[in-house]
Amino acid sequence: MLEALLVVDEKPAGELVHIEWRMTSAQPAGSATEPIWSTRPDSISSSEWTTIQQELYPKLLTISYCDCGIDGMEISWRSSDNFDSNSIPQVEGITVAKGLVSNENLWLTCGIGLLLFAGGIEYYRVKAAEKLAKEYL
């Protein structure tokens, strides 16, 4: 569901996003015993929420199990033809994270640098221990 709502016109600047939604109750989808999507973001109207639910659901979903020596399971799925870019409502509250937290290249470089630094310290520590051991022997 979140992937469907995160479709944007431009490529995001980073991989981390903040989702700040106030959730409200909605008419649940699914069966009466196992309802799903019983809440929705308050920036999406009830009618838009119902529309996106109906257009995301597959037209046909069949799961059959064959107990005929193969123990095979077959899943037949036919997607809804109605879902397109117009099905996605305008959603507020999704922002790309900024600052040091979102700069993954900086964190990767710092992590590799820290590993190399720790490896260098360990290398010189082992060499000093070997030199000390040779002096005593």
C-alpha atoms as a PDB file:
ATOM      1  CA  MET A   1       0.000   0.000   0.000  1.00  0.00           C
ATOM      2  CA  LEU A   2       2.753   2.437   0.891  1.00  0.00           C
ATOM      3  CA  GLU A   3       4.559   1.669  -2.352  1.00  0.00           C
ATOM      4  CA  ALA A   4       1.433   2.589  -4.268  1.00  0.00           C
ATOM      5  CA  LEU A   5       1.143   5.909  -2.440  1.00  0.00           C
ATOM      6  CA  LEU A   6       4.835   6.750  -2.873  1.00  0.00           C
ATOM      7  CA  VAL A   7       4.652   6.968  -6.662  1.00  0.00           C
ATOM      8  CA  VAL A   8       6.006  10.429  -7.486  1.00  0.00           C
ATOM      9  CA  ASP A   9       6.777  12.448 -10.591  1.00  0.00           C
ATOM     10  CA  GLU A  10      10.460  12.963  -9.764  1.00  0.00           C
ATOM     11  CA  LYS A  11      12.999  10.505  -8.438  1.00  0.00           C
ATOM     12  CA  PRO A  12      13.445  10.981  -4.655  1.00  0.00           C
ATOM     13  CA  ALA A  13      16.717  12.571  -3.529  1.00  0.00           C
ATOM     14  CA  GLY A  14      17.334   9.902  -0.871  1.00  0.00           C
ATOM     15  CA  GLU A  15      16.175   6.503   0.274  1.00  0.00           C
ATOM     16  CA  LEU A  16      14.796   7.551   3.665  1.00  0.00           C
ATOM     17  CA  VAL A  17      11.358   9.106   3.798  1.00  0.00           C
ATOM     18  CA  HIS A  18       9.357  10.474   6.688  1.00  0.00           C
ATOM     19  CA  ILE A  19       5.686   9.556   6.667  1.00  0.00           C
ATOM     20  CA  GLU A  20       3.733  11.797   8.973  1.00  0.00           C
ATOM     21  CA  TRP A  21       0.098  10.800   8.690  1.00  0.00           C
ATOM     22  CA  ARG A  22      -2.749  11.128  11.113  1.00  0.00           C
ATOM     23  CA  MET A  23      -4.769   7.968  10.600  1.00  0.00           C
ATOM     24  CA  THR A  24      -8.558   7.893  10.746  1.00  0.00           C
ATOM     25  CA  SER A  25     -10.940   4.971  10.700  1.00  0.00           C
ATOM     26  CA  ALA A  26     -12.251   3.788   7.356  1.00  0.00           C
ATOM     27  CA  GLN A  27     -14.631   1.213   5.999  1.00  0.00           C
ATOM     28  CA  PRO A  28     -12.520  -1.969   6.160  1.00  0.00           C
ATOM     29  CA  ALA A  29     -11.934  -4.112   3.112  1.00  0.00           C
ATOM     30  CA  GLY A  30     -11.610  -7.879   3.036  1.00  0.00           C
ATOM     31  CA  SER A  31     -13.826 -10.400   4.757  1.00  0.00           C
ATOM     32  CA  ALA A  32     -15.922  -9.705   7.846  1.00  0.00           C
ATOM     33  CA  THR A  33     -13.811 -12.087   9.956  1.00  0.00           C
ATOM     34  CA  GLU A  34     -10.459 -10.724   8.728  1.00  0.00           C
ATOM     35  CA  PRO A  35     -10.839  -7.066   7.761  1.00  0.00           C
ATOM     36  CA  ILE A  36      -7.911  -5.175   6.278  1.00  0.00           C
ATOM     37  CA  TRP A  37      -7.153  -1.492   5.703  1.00  0.00           C
ATOM     38  CA  SER A  38      -9.526  -0.313   8.411  1.00  0.00           C
ATOM     39  CA  THR A  39      -7.612   2.972   8.746  1.00  0.00           C
ATOM     40  CA  ARG A  40      -6.607   5.547   6.171  1.00  0.00           C
ATOM     41  CA  PRO A  41      -4.499   8.733   6.124  1.00  0.00           C
ATOM     42  CA  ASP A  42      -6.723  11.717   6.883  1.00  0.00           C
ATOM     43  CA  SER A  43      -5.397  13.587   3.818  1.00  0.00           C
ATOM     44  CA  ILE A  44      -7.139  10.999   1.599  1.00  0.00           C
ATOM     45  CA  SER A  45     -10.905  11.273   1.380  1.00  0.00           C
ATOM     46  CA  SER A  46     -13.089   8.273   2.083  1.00  0.00           C
ATOM     47  CA  SER A  47     -14.206   8.032  -1.550  1.00  0.00           C
ATOM     48  CA  GLU A  48     -10.596   8.167  -2.837  1.00  0.00           C
ATOM     49  CA  TRP A  49      -9.637   5.482  -0.310  1.00  0.00           C
ATOM     50  CA  THR A  50     -12.465   3.219  -1.457  1.00  0.00           C
ATOM     51  CA  THR A  51     -11.472   3.781  -5.093  1.00  0.00           C
ATOM     52  CA  ILE A  52      -7.809   2.916  -4.536  1.00  0.00           C
ATOM     53  CA  GLN A  53      -8.810  -0.208  -2.589  1.00  0.00           C
ATOM     54  CA  GLN A  54     -11.103  -1.400  -5.359  1.00  0.00           C
ATOM     55  CA  GLU A  55      -8.552  -0.703  -8.092  1.00  0.00           C
ATOM     56  CA  LEU A  56      -5.656  -2.365  -6.239  1.00  0.00           C
ATOM     57  CA  TYR A  57      -7.547  -5.587  -5.571  1.00  0.00           C
ATOM     58  CA  PRO A  58      -7.063  -8.279  -8.207  1.00  0.00           C
ATOM     59  CA  LYS A  59     -10.010  -9.241 -10.374  1.00  0.00           C
ATOM     60  CA  LEU A  60      -9.390 -12.902  -9.680  1.00  0.00           C
ATOM     61  CA  LEU A  61      -7.360 -14.714  -7.047  1.00  0.00           C
ATOM     62  CA  THR A  62      -7.570 -18.493  -6.905  1.00  0.00           C
ATOM     63  CA  ILE A  63      -5.421 -20.784  -4.782  1.00  0.00           C
ATOM     64  CA  SER A  64      -5.778 -24.507  -5.417  1.00  0.00           C
ATOM     65  CA  TYR A  65      -3.937 -27.372  -3.769  1.00  0.00           C
ATOM     66  CA  CYS A  66      -3.408 -30.695  -5.503  1.00  0.00           C
ATOM     67  CA  ASP A  67      -2.942 -33.678  -3.183  1.00  0.00           C
ATOM     68  CA  CYS A  68      -2.164 -35.967  -6.097  1.00  0.00           C
ATOM     69  CA  GLY A  69       1.311 -37.203  -5.226  1.00  0.00           C
ATOM     70  CA  ILE A  70       3.006 -33.985  -6.269  1.00  0.00           C
ATOM     71  CA  ASP A  71       1.732 -31.868  -3.382  1.00  0.00           C
ATOM     72  CA  GLY A  72       1.582 -28.854  -5.645  1.00  0.00           C
ATOM     73  CA  MET A  73      -0.072 -25.530  -5.056  1.00  0.00           C
ATOM     74  CA  GLU A  74      -1.317 -23.406  -7.918  1.00  0.00           C
ATOM     75  CA  ILE A  75      -2.022 -19.709  -7.624  1.00  0.00           C
ATOM     76  CA  SER A  76      -4.002 -17.976 -10.327  1.00  0.00           C
ATOM     77  CA  TRP A  77      -4.060 -14.186 -10.201  1.00  0.00           C
ATOM     78  CA  ARG A  78      -5.442 -11.627 -12.612  1.00  0.00           C
ATOM     79  CA  SER A  79      -4.744  -7.987 -11.853  1.00  0.00           C
ATOM     80  CA  SER A  80      -7.194  -5.152 -12.036  1.00  0.00           C
ATOM     81  CA  ASP A  81      -7.040  -3.260 -15.317  1.00  0.00           C
ATOM     82  CA  ASN A  82      -8.398  -0.088 -13.723  1.00  0.00           C
ATOM     83  CA  PHE A  83      -5.306   0.873 -11.691  1.00  0.00           C
ATOM     84  CA  ASP A  84      -3.237   3.631 -13.302  1.00  0.00           C
ATOM     85  CA  SER A  85      -1.570   6.906 -12.326  1.00  0.00           C
ATOM     86  CA  ASN A  86      -4.957   8.608 -11.967  1.00  0.00           C
ATOM     87  CA  SER A  87      -5.907   6.098  -9.255  1.00  0.00           C
ATOM     88  CA  ILE A  88      -3.319   7.473  -6.840  1.00  0.00           C
ATOM     89  CA  PRO A  89      -4.694  10.308  -4.711  1.00  0.00           C
ATOM     90  CA  GLN A  90      -2.668  13.358  -3.747  1.00  0.00           C
ATOM     91  CA  VAL A  91      -1.112  12.519  -0.395  1.00  0.00           C
ATOM     92  CA  GLU A  92       0.431  14.940   2.061  1.00  0.00           C
ATOM     93  CA  GLY A  93       2.886  14.135   4.817  1.00  0.00           C
ATOM     94  CA  ILE A  94       5.547  12.231   2.819  1.00  0.00           C
ATOM     95  CA  THR A  95       8.913  13.997   2.803  1.00  0.00           C
ATOM     96  CA  VAL A  96      12.413  12.861   1.884  1.00  0.00           C
ATOM     97  CA  ALA A  97      14.764  12.889   4.875  1.00  0.00           C
ATOM     98  CA  LYS A  98      17.488  15.514   4.800  1.00  0.00           C
ATOM     99  CA  GLY A  99      20.732  16.022   6.691  1.00  0.00           C
ATOM    100  CA  LEU A 100      23.342  13.571   7.950  1.00  0.00           C
ATOM    101  CA  VAL A 101      20.881  10.761   8.598  1.00  0.00           C
ATOM    102  CA  SER A 102      19.852  10.561   4.951  1.00  0.00           C
ATOM    103  CA  ASN A 103      23.352  10.847   3.466  1.00  0.00           C
ATOM    104  CA  GLU A 104      24.088   7.153   2.981  1.00  0.00           C
ATOM    105  CA  ASN A 105      27.304   7.787   1.003  1.00  0.00           C
ATOM    106  CA  LEU A 106      28.795   9.689   3.933  1.00  0.00           C
ATOM    107  CA  TRP A 107      27.882   6.893   6.372  1.00  0.00           C
ATOM    108  CA  LEU A 108      29.297   4.235   4.031  1.00  0.00           C
ATOM    109  CA  THR A 109      32.571   6.137   3.637  1.00  0.00           C
ATOM    110  CA  CYS A 110      32.846   6.680   7.403  1.00  0.00           C
ATOM    111  CA  GLY A 111      32.154   2.990   8.048  1.00  0.00           C
ATOM    112  CA  ILE A 112      34.804   1.824   5.598  1.00  0.00           C
ATOM    113  CA  GLY A 113      37.260   4.374   7.016  1.00  0.00           C
ATOM    114  CA  LEU A 114      36.577   3.154  10.553  1.00  0.00           C
ATOM    115  CA  LEU A 115      37.156  -0.462   9.484  1.00  0.00           C
ATOM    116  CA  LEU A 116      40.456   0.456   7.823  1.00  0.00           C
ATOM    117  CA  PHE A 117      41.538   2.467  10.874  1.00  0.00           C
ATOM    118  CA  ALA A 118      40.680  -0.401  13.245  1.00  0.00           C
ATOM    119  CA  GLY A 119      42.454  -2.857  10.931  1.00  0.00           C
ATOM    120  CA  GLY A 120      45.583  -0.669  10.926  1.00  0.00           C
ATOM    121  CA  ILE A 121      45.601  -0.433  14.718  1.00  0.00           C
ATOM    122  CA  GLU A 122      45.204  -4.207  15.025  1.00  0.00           C
ATOM    123  CA  TYR A 123      47.988  -4.828  12.473  1.00  0.00           C
ATOM    124  CA  TYR A 124      50.477  -2.640  14.356  1.00  0.00           C
ATOM    125  CA  ARG A 125      49.390  -4.136  17.695  1.00  0.00           C
ATOM    126  CA  VAL A 126      50.103  -7.669  16.424  1.00  0.00           C
ATOM    127  CA  LYS A 127      53.461  -6.584  14.964  1.00  0.00           C
ATOM    128  CA  ALA A 128      54.458  -4.977  18.295  1.00  0.00           C
ATOM    129  CA  ALA A 129      53.418  -8.138  20.173  1.00  0.00           C
ATOM    130  CA  GLU A 130      55.460 -10.314  17.790  1.00  0.00           C
ATOM    131  CA  LYS A 131      58.499  -8.036  18.245  1.00  0.00           C
ATOM    132  CA  LEU A 132      58.121  -8.188  22.027  1.00  0.00           C
ATOM    133  CA  ALA A 133      57.787 -11.998  21.918  1.00  0.00           C
ATOM    134  CA  LYS A 134      60.970 -12.286  19.809  1.00  0.00           C
ATOM    135  CA  GLU A 135      62.881 -10.162  22.332  1.00  0.00           C
ATOM    136  CA  TYR A 136      61.949 -12.507  25.185  1.00  0.00           C
ATOM    137  CA  LEU A 137      62.781 -15.661  23.226  1.00  0.00           C
END
